[in-house]
Amino acid sequence: MTQRRIYYKSTNMSPLTLLGLGLLAVAAFFVALPLFLGAVVVFSIAAGYMAWRVRKVMRQFEKECARRSETNSDLDPSSLIIDVTPDQTERERDQRMD
């Protein structure tokens, strides 16, 4: 006569396991928190520096525009036209390439 063994698998976790997982979660949180806060500080410093640089450039641009508008109050409209027609040497070079 053979003896049958029956095994039951328990799906319940013990309170000690739950306590260990809870402590692990708390420890992981406190380890990750300084890393997260450090990343926030680094990115905020970088963003602040970029904002300062952009503001500085915009102030210089405004000053330059104000200075030019004061000195060139009687602008000739033809001075605002940009000529993009090729000069003689460019035409000759383009004809040689064809």
Protein backbone atom coordinates (compact mmCIF):
# COMPACT_ATOMS: atom_id res chain seq x y z
CA MET A 1 0.00 0.00 0.00
CA THR A 2 1.44 3.35 -1.08
CA GLN A 3 1.04 6.34 1.02
CA ARG A 4 -0.28 9.51 -0.61
CA ARG A 5 1.11 12.85 0.37
CA ILE A 6 -0.95 15.93 -0.25
CA TYR A 7 0.68 19.34 -0.24
CA TYR A 8 -1.29 22.53 0.20
CA LYS A 9 0.02 25.81 -1.08
CA SER A 10 -0.84 28.69 1.14
CA THR A 11 -1.48 32.02 -0.58
CA ASN A 12 -1.49 34.01 2.63
CA MET A 13 1.59 36.03 3.53
CA SER A 14 2.75 36.05 7.06
CA PRO A 15 2.69 39.32 9.01
CA LEU A 16 6.47 39.16 9.30
CA THR A 17 6.79 39.15 5.51
CA LEU A 18 4.44 42.12 5.23
CA LEU A 19 6.43 43.98 7.85
CA GLY A 20 9.68 43.26 6.00
CA LEU A 21 8.24 44.46 2.69
CA GLY A 22 6.92 47.59 4.38
CA LEU A 23 10.33 48.35 5.88
CA LEU A 24 11.96 47.75 2.51
CA ALA A 25 9.54 50.18 0.84
CA VAL A 26 10.21 52.84 3.48
CA ALA A 27 13.97 52.37 3.16
CA ALA A 28 13.78 52.57 -0.66
CA PHE A 29 11.75 55.78 -0.37
CA PHE A 30 14.27 57.44 1.91
CA VAL A 31 17.17 56.33 -0.29
CA ALA A 32 15.49 57.59 -3.48
CA LEU A 33 14.27 60.87 -1.96
CA PRO A 34 17.70 62.59 -1.81
CA LEU A 35 18.45 61.49 -5.37
CA PHE A 36 15.15 62.93 -6.59
CA LEU A 37 15.61 66.18 -4.67
CA GLY A 38 19.18 66.48 -5.93
CA ALA A 39 17.99 66.08 -9.52
CA VAL A 40 15.30 68.73 -8.95
CA VAL A 41 17.91 71.13 -7.55
CA VAL A 42 20.32 70.54 -10.45
CA PHE A 43 17.64 71.03 -13.08
CA SER A 44 16.25 74.12 -11.37
CA ILE A 45 19.73 75.66 -11.23
CA ALA A 46 20.24 74.91 -14.93
CA ALA A 47 16.83 76.36 -15.80
CA GLY A 48 17.50 79.48 -13.73
CA TYR A 49 20.86 80.00 -15.42
CA MET A 50 19.30 79.63 -18.87
CA ALA A 51 16.51 82.07 -17.97
CA TRP A 52 19.07 84.57 -16.69
CA ARG A 53 21.12 84.28 -19.89
CA VAL A 54 18.07 84.70 -22.12
CA ARG A 55 16.91 87.71 -20.13
CA LYS A 56 20.39 89.24 -20.34
CA VAL A 57 20.51 88.76 -24.12
CA MET A 58 17.01 90.21 -24.51
CA ARG A 59 17.99 93.30 -22.50
CA GLN A 60 21.07 93.80 -24.68
CA PHE A 61 18.92 93.35 -27.78
CA GLU A 62 16.39 95.93 -26.54
CA LYS A 63 19.17 98.41 -25.70
CA GLU A 64 20.73 97.94 -29.12
CA CYS A 65 17.37 98.38 -30.85
CA ALA A 66 16.66 101.52 -28.82
CA ARG A 67 20.12 102.91 -29.62
CA ARG A 68 19.72 102.21 -33.33
CA SER A 69 16.25 103.70 -33.43
CA GLU A 70 17.54 106.89 -31.78
CA THR A 71 20.49 107.25 -34.14
CA ASN A 72 18.61 106.19 -37.28
CA SER A 73 15.36 108.04 -36.81
CA ASP A 74 15.45 109.23 -40.44
CA LEU A 75 15.96 105.86 -42.13
CA ASP A 76 15.97 105.63 -45.87
CA PRO A 77 13.62 102.79 -46.92
CA SER A 78 16.11 101.62 -49.55
CA SER A 79 18.69 100.95 -46.82
CA LEU A 80 16.40 98.23 -45.42
CA ILE A 81 16.47 96.22 -48.66
CA ILE A 82 18.85 93.28 -48.73
CA ASP A 83 20.26 92.59 -52.17
CA VAL A 84 20.60 88.87 -52.85
CA THR A 85 21.36 88.94 -56.57
CA PRO A 86 24.62 87.16 -57.37
CA ASP A 87 27.53 89.34 -58.41
CA GLN A 88 29.56 88.87 -61.61
CA THR A 89 32.05 86.33 -60.21
CA GLU A 90 29.27 84.07 -58.92
CA ARG A 91 27.52 84.15 -62.29
CA GLU A 92 30.75 83.20 -64.09
CA ARG A 93 31.40 80.35 -61.66
CA ASP A 94 27.85 79.04 -62.09
CA GLN A 95 28.19 79.17 -65.88
CA ARG A 96 31.49 77.24 -65.77
CA MET A 97 29.89 74.54 -63.62
CA ASP A 98 27.11 73.99 -66.19
